[in-house]
């Protein structure tokens, strides 16, 4: 009886959980942001170095999870002086906290190709729960024999909630729009 119960439990845990692990194709991906400066214009930037994976069930064509890591020092706003300031202890403190990470904890399907991906965003050494709205395109087979997914997400985060508290809101707005566009390959 115990063996049967153990086998049933194992089967229940594995049903619907098989997913292929796709790798982010960083040559076809961007993690960008936009924030209001002096309440009159948007300053945009991106992170140039990152990696991650996407768990996708090929049978059901369903997103199952995602995780990624950004090299904080790769921040790029097209202004060296501003980038140096963003890297210091006033903002990202990249020497002390070299990585920004995200690990999904729950995925909820909200439409044919749309999801809410709840997860833990670690920034400045602290964990924050966030929910990313994610749209998935594909999968498709590319001309080179790889299976490809496209993923897009845009979320507004409050920088103060994340510990990025330097500068008053009149200089740098509290709301930061983060956009993610990527391809992932199998």
C-alpha atoms as a PDB file:
ATOM      1  CA  UNK A   1       0.000   0.000   0.000  1.00  0.00           C
ATOM      2  CA  UNK A   2       2.817   2.422   0.891  1.00  0.00           C
ATOM      3  CA  UNK A   3       4.554   1.686  -2.422  1.00  0.00           C
ATOM      4  CA  UNK A   4       1.348   2.359  -4.362  1.00  0.00           C
ATOM      5  CA  UNK A   5       0.803   5.630  -2.468  1.00  0.00           C
ATOM      6  CA  UNK A   6       4.420   6.687  -3.131  1.00  0.00           C
ATOM      7  CA  UNK A   7       4.081   5.886  -6.839  1.00  0.00           C
ATOM      8  CA  UNK A   8       0.797   7.815  -7.088  1.00  0.00           C
ATOM      9  CA  UNK A   9       2.315  10.824  -5.313  1.00  0.00           C
ATOM     10  CA  UNK A  10       5.348  10.788  -7.620  1.00  0.00           C
ATOM     11  CA  UNK A  11       3.126  10.537 -10.687  1.00  0.00           C
ATOM     12  CA  UNK A  12       0.917  13.400  -9.468  1.00  0.00           C
ATOM     13  CA  UNK A  13       3.946  15.615  -8.918  1.00  0.00           C
ATOM     14  CA  UNK A  14       5.312  14.981 -12.400  1.00  0.00           C
ATOM     15  CA  UNK A  15       2.095  15.258 -14.432  1.00  0.00           C
ATOM     16  CA  UNK A  16       2.143  18.496 -16.397  1.00  0.00           C
ATOM     17  CA  UNK A  17       5.480  19.573 -15.019  1.00  0.00           C
ATOM     18  CA  UNK A  18       7.710  18.420 -17.877  1.00  0.00           C
ATOM     19  CA  UNK A  19       9.186  21.471 -19.512  1.00  0.00           C
ATOM     20  CA  UNK A  20      12.038  22.096 -21.876  1.00  0.00           C
ATOM     21  CA  UNK A  21      14.695  24.555 -20.729  1.00  0.00           C
ATOM     22  CA  UNK A  22      15.238  27.330 -23.261  1.00  0.00           C
ATOM     23  CA  UNK A  23      18.288  29.613 -22.982  1.00  0.00           C
ATOM     24  CA  UNK A  24      18.022  33.361 -23.532  1.00  0.00           C
ATOM     25  CA  UNK A  25      19.647  34.338 -26.821  1.00  0.00           C
ATOM     26  CA  UNK A  26      21.369  37.523 -25.624  1.00  0.00           C
ATOM     27  CA  UNK A  27      22.071  38.563 -29.218  1.00  0.00           C
ATOM     28  CA  UNK A  28      18.308  38.882 -29.660  1.00  0.00           C
ATOM     29  CA  UNK A  29      17.304  40.249 -26.270  1.00  0.00           C
ATOM     30  CA  UNK A  30      17.175  43.520 -24.379  1.00  0.00           C
ATOM     31  CA  UNK A  31      16.436  44.491 -20.795  1.00  0.00           C
ATOM     32  CA  UNK A  32      15.711  48.208 -20.796  1.00  0.00           C
ATOM     33  CA  UNK A  33      14.278  50.863 -18.543  1.00  0.00           C
ATOM     34  CA  UNK A  34      12.859  54.350 -18.695  1.00  0.00           C
ATOM     35  CA  UNK A  35      12.509  56.877 -15.878  1.00  0.00           C
ATOM     36  CA  UNK A  36      11.323  60.469 -15.819  1.00  0.00           C
ATOM     37  CA  UNK A  37      14.146  62.999 -15.221  1.00  0.00           C
ATOM     38  CA  UNK A  38      13.418  66.431 -13.723  1.00  0.00           C
ATOM     39  CA  UNK A  39       9.722  65.676 -14.354  1.00  0.00           C
ATOM     40  CA  UNK A  40      10.060  66.730 -17.998  1.00  0.00           C
ATOM     41  CA  UNK A  41      11.773  63.995 -20.019  1.00  0.00           C
ATOM     42  CA  UNK A  42      12.467  60.275 -20.000  1.00  0.00           C
ATOM     43  CA  UNK A  43      15.951  58.918 -19.514  1.00  0.00           C
ATOM     44  CA  UNK A  44      16.358  55.479 -21.017  1.00  0.00           C
ATOM     45  CA  UNK A  45      18.912  52.799 -20.455  1.00  0.00           C
ATOM     46  CA  UNK A  46      19.569  49.103 -20.591  1.00  0.00           C
ATOM     47  CA  UNK A  47      21.679  46.355 -19.123  1.00  0.00           C
ATOM     48  CA  UNK A  48      24.163  44.904 -21.601  1.00  0.00           C
ATOM     49  CA  UNK A  49      25.122  41.666 -19.819  1.00  0.00           C
ATOM     50  CA  UNK A  50      22.573  39.111 -18.622  1.00  0.00           C
ATOM     51  CA  UNK A  51      21.653  35.454 -18.898  1.00  0.00           C
ATOM     52  CA  UNK A  52      18.723  33.252 -18.108  1.00  0.00           C
ATOM     53  CA  UNK A  53      16.473  30.343 -18.897  1.00  0.00           C
ATOM     54  CA  UNK A  54      12.817  29.824 -19.707  1.00  0.00           C
ATOM     55  CA  UNK A  55      10.942  26.625 -18.855  1.00  0.00           C
ATOM     56  CA  UNK A  56       8.346  25.912 -21.533  1.00  0.00           C
ATOM     57  CA  UNK A  57       6.173  22.824 -21.906  1.00  0.00           C
ATOM     58  CA  UNK A  58       6.362  21.965 -25.609  1.00  0.00           C
ATOM     59  CA  UNK A  59       3.462  19.515 -25.414  1.00  0.00           C
ATOM     60  CA  UNK A  60       0.940  21.948 -23.931  1.00  0.00           C
ATOM     61  CA  UNK A  61       2.659  25.066 -25.358  1.00  0.00           C
ATOM     62  CA  UNK A  62       2.668  26.594 -21.876  1.00  0.00           C
ATOM     63  CA  UNK A  63       5.164  28.752 -19.999  1.00  0.00           C
ATOM     64  CA  UNK A  64       6.185  27.037 -16.752  1.00  0.00           C
ATOM     65  CA  UNK A  65       8.886  29.303 -15.303  1.00  0.00           C
ATOM     66  CA  UNK A  66      11.779  31.686 -15.878  1.00  0.00           C
ATOM     67  CA  UNK A  67      14.928  32.843 -14.184  1.00  0.00           C
ATOM     68  CA  UNK A  68      17.671  35.249 -14.996  1.00  0.00           C
ATOM     69  CA  UNK A  69      20.625  37.222 -13.773  1.00  0.00           C
ATOM     70  CA  UNK A  70      21.793  40.704 -14.786  1.00  0.00           C
ATOM     71  CA  UNK A  71      25.325  42.007 -14.287  1.00  0.00           C
ATOM     72  CA  UNK A  72      24.505  45.284 -12.509  1.00  0.00           C
ATOM     73  CA  UNK A  73      27.731  46.926 -13.709  1.00  0.00           C
ATOM     74  CA  UNK A  74      26.567  46.515 -17.313  1.00  0.00           C
ATOM     75  CA  UNK A  75      24.083  49.385 -16.917  1.00  0.00           C
ATOM     76  CA  UNK A  76      24.221  51.649 -19.960  1.00  0.00           C
ATOM     77  CA  UNK A  77      22.391  54.977 -20.331  1.00  0.00           C
ATOM     78  CA  UNK A  78      24.633  56.237 -23.126  1.00  0.00           C
ATOM     79  CA  UNK A  79      26.315  58.627 -20.674  1.00  0.00           C
ATOM     80  CA  UNK A  80      29.518  57.467 -18.944  1.00  0.00           C
ATOM     81  CA  UNK A  81      29.289  59.957 -16.066  1.00  0.00           C
ATOM     82  CA  UNK A  82      25.674  58.995 -15.286  1.00  0.00           C
ATOM     83  CA  UNK A  83      26.503  55.292 -15.606  1.00  0.00           C
ATOM     84  CA  UNK A  84      29.382  55.660 -13.130  1.00  0.00           C
ATOM     85  CA  UNK A  85      27.000  57.378 -10.688  1.00  0.00           C
ATOM     86  CA  UNK A  86      24.393  54.622 -11.101  1.00  0.00           C
ATOM     87  CA  UNK A  87      27.060  51.995 -10.360  1.00  0.00           C
ATOM     88  CA  UNK A  88      28.180  53.572  -7.077  1.00  0.00           C
ATOM     89  CA  UNK A  89      26.647  53.189  -3.612  1.00  0.00           C
ATOM     90  CA  UNK A  90      24.051  55.924  -4.279  1.00  0.00           C
ATOM     91  CA  UNK A  91      22.186  53.468  -6.536  1.00  0.00           C
ATOM     92  CA  UNK A  92      23.189  49.919  -7.564  1.00  0.00           C
ATOM     93  CA  UNK A  93      26.401  49.601  -5.473  1.00  0.00           C
ATOM     94  CA  UNK A  94      27.735  47.120  -8.037  1.00  0.00           C
ATOM     95  CA  UNK A  95      30.868  46.254  -6.073  1.00  0.00           C
ATOM     96  CA  UNK A  96      28.793  45.025  -3.138  1.00  0.00           C
ATOM     97  CA  UNK A  97      25.835  43.700  -5.183  1.00  0.00           C
ATOM     98  CA  UNK A  98      27.149  42.574  -8.586  1.00  0.00           C
ATOM     99  CA  UNK A  99      23.974  40.789  -9.725  1.00  0.00           C
ATOM    100  CA  UNK A 100      20.259  41.478 -10.025  1.00  0.00           C
ATOM    101  CA  UNK A 101      18.338  38.189 -10.175  1.00  0.00           C
ATOM    102  CA  UNK A 102      14.812  36.980 -10.835  1.00  0.00           C
ATOM    103  CA  UNK A 103      13.444  33.492 -10.120  1.00  0.00           C
ATOM    104  CA  UNK A 104       9.817  32.667 -10.840  1.00  0.00           C
ATOM    105  CA  UNK A 105       7.762  31.004  -8.133  1.00  0.00           C
ATOM    106  CA  UNK A 106       4.368  30.759  -9.847  1.00  0.00           C
ATOM    107  CA  UNK A 107       3.033  31.089 -13.394  1.00  0.00           C
ATOM    108  CA  UNK A 108      -0.609  31.827 -14.142  1.00  0.00           C
ATOM    109  CA  UNK A 109      -1.948  31.639 -17.700  1.00  0.00           C
ATOM    110  CA  UNK A 110      -4.158  34.672 -18.408  1.00  0.00           C
ATOM    111  CA  UNK A 111      -4.814  34.258 -22.161  1.00  0.00           C
ATOM    112  CA  UNK A 112      -3.791  32.276 -25.236  1.00  0.00           C
ATOM    113  CA  UNK A 113      -0.210  33.532 -25.059  1.00  0.00           C
ATOM    114  CA  UNK A 114      -0.207  35.726 -21.949  1.00  0.00           C
ATOM    115  CA  UNK A 115       0.868  34.963 -18.396  1.00  0.00           C
ATOM    116  CA  UNK A 116       1.424  36.484 -14.983  1.00  0.00           C
ATOM    117  CA  UNK A 117       4.807  35.323 -13.744  1.00  0.00           C
ATOM    118  CA  UNK A 118       5.185  35.832 -10.016  1.00  0.00           C
ATOM    119  CA  UNK A 119       8.704  35.636  -8.685  1.00  0.00           C
ATOM    120  CA  UNK A 120      11.473  36.918  -6.478  1.00  0.00           C
ATOM    121  CA  UNK A 121      13.491  39.887  -7.721  1.00  0.00           C
ATOM    122  CA  UNK A 122      16.723  40.246  -5.761  1.00  0.00           C
ATOM    123  CA  UNK A 123      18.255  43.691  -5.979  1.00  0.00           C
ATOM    124  CA  UNK A 124      20.749  45.240  -3.557  1.00  0.00           C
ATOM    125  CA  UNK A 125      20.756  41.924  -1.670  1.00  0.00           C
ATOM    126  CA  UNK A 126      17.050  42.071  -0.802  1.00  0.00           C
ATOM    127  CA  UNK A 127      14.213  39.932  -2.147  1.00  0.00           C
ATOM    128  CA  UNK A 128      11.054  41.543  -3.547  1.00  0.00           C
ATOM    129  CA  UNK A 129       7.996  39.752  -4.888  1.00  0.00           C
ATOM    130  CA  UNK A 130       6.974  41.031  -8.318  1.00  0.00           C
ATOM    131  CA  UNK A 131       4.494  39.882 -10.955  1.00  0.00           C
ATOM    132  CA  UNK A 132       5.651  40.185 -14.564  1.00  0.00           C
ATOM    133  CA  UNK A 133       3.034  40.264 -17.304  1.00  0.00           C
ATOM    134  CA  UNK A 134       4.591  38.080 -20.010  1.00  0.00           C
ATOM    135  CA  UNK A 135       3.523  37.471 -23.606  1.00  0.00           C
ATOM    136  CA  UNK A 136       4.991  34.463 -25.405  1.00  0.00           C
ATOM    137  CA  UNK A 137       5.333  34.077 -29.180  1.00  0.00           C
ATOM    138  CA  UNK A 138       6.097  30.685 -30.655  1.00  0.00           C
ATOM    139  CA  UNK A 139       7.608  28.237 -30.416  1.00  0.00           C
ATOM    140  CA  UNK A 140       8.895  28.142 -33.964  1.00  0.00           C
ATOM    141  CA  UNK A 141      11.599  26.158 -35.712  1.00  0.00           C
ATOM    142  CA  UNK A 142      14.176  28.579 -37.145  1.00  0.00           C
ATOM    143  CA  UNK A 143      16.097  27.997 -40.422  1.00  0.00           C
ATOM    144  CA  UNK A 144      19.117  26.791 -38.421  1.00  0.00           C
ATOM    145  CA  UNK A 145      17.301  23.930 -36.686  1.00  0.00           C
ATOM    146  CA  UNK A 146      16.759  25.622 -33.332  1.00  0.00           C
ATOM    147  CA  UNK A 147      13.435  25.941 -31.578  1.00  0.00           C
ATOM    148  CA  UNK A 148      12.785  29.562 -30.628  1.00  0.00           C
ATOM    149  CA  UNK A 149      10.437  31.432 -28.300  1.00  0.00           C
ATOM    150  CA  UNK A 150       9.826  35.154 -28.110  1.00  0.00           C
ATOM    151  CA  UNK A 151       8.967  36.754 -24.771  1.00  0.00           C
ATOM    152  CA  UNK A 152       7.957  40.313 -23.932  1.00  0.00           C
ATOM    153  CA  UNK A 153       7.195  41.989 -20.643  1.00  0.00           C
ATOM    154  CA  UNK A 154       6.776  45.513 -19.376  1.00  0.00           C
ATOM    155  CA  UNK A 155       6.306  46.431 -15.736  1.00  0.00           C
ATOM    156  CA  UNK A 156       6.367  49.624 -13.695  1.00  0.00           C
ATOM    157  CA  UNK A 157       8.385  49.353 -10.483  1.00  0.00           C
ATOM    158  CA  UNK A 158       8.846  51.843  -7.675  1.00  0.00           C
ATOM    159  CA  UNK A 159      12.602  52.342  -7.293  1.00  0.00           C
ATOM    160  CA  UNK A 160      12.243  53.329  -3.629  1.00  0.00           C
ATOM    161  CA  UNK A 161      10.485  50.035  -2.865  1.00  0.00           C
ATOM    162  CA  UNK A 162      13.565  48.311  -4.305  1.00  0.00           C
ATOM    163  CA  UNK A 163      16.014  50.283  -2.157  1.00  0.00           C
ATOM    164  CA  UNK A 164      17.107  52.754  -4.853  1.00  0.00           C
ATOM    165  CA  UNK A 165      16.413  55.789  -2.698  1.00  0.00           C
ATOM    166  CA  UNK A 166      19.069  58.299  -3.717  1.00  0.00           C
ATOM    167  CA  UNK A 167      17.785  61.497  -5.371  1.00  0.00           C
ATOM    168  CA  UNK A 168      14.426  63.113  -4.740  1.00  0.00           C
ATOM    169  CA  UNK A 169      11.458  62.254  -6.976  1.00  0.00           C
ATOM    170  CA  UNK A 170      11.642  65.745  -8.520  1.00  0.00           C
ATOM    171  CA  UNK A 171      15.029  64.789  -9.991  1.00  0.00           C
ATOM    172  CA  UNK A 172      14.424  61.102 -10.726  1.00  0.00           C
ATOM    173  CA  UNK A 173      10.856  59.803 -10.650  1.00  0.00           C
ATOM    174  CA  UNK A 174      10.023  56.959  -8.308  1.00  0.00           C
ATOM    175  CA  UNK A 175       8.320  54.995 -11.092  1.00  0.00           C
ATOM    176  CA  UNK A 176      10.614  53.131 -13.451  1.00  0.00           C
ATOM    177  CA  UNK A 177       9.294  51.268 -16.475  1.00  0.00           C
ATOM    178  CA  UNK A 178      11.233  48.082 -17.146  1.00  0.00           C
ATOM    179  CA  UNK A 179      10.856  46.385 -20.519  1.00  0.00           C
ATOM    180  CA  UNK A 180      12.090  42.943 -21.469  1.00  0.00           C
ATOM    181  CA  UNK A 181      12.187  41.667 -25.033  1.00  0.00           C
ATOM    182  CA  UNK A 182      13.942  38.428 -25.752  1.00  0.00           C
ATOM    183  CA  UNK A 183      14.270  35.314 -27.770  1.00  0.00           C
ATOM    184  CA  UNK A 184      15.127  32.036 -26.130  1.00  0.00           C
ATOM    185  CA  UNK A 185      16.388  28.916 -27.899  1.00  0.00           C
ATOM    186  CA  UNK A 186      16.260  25.215 -27.267  1.00  0.00           C
END
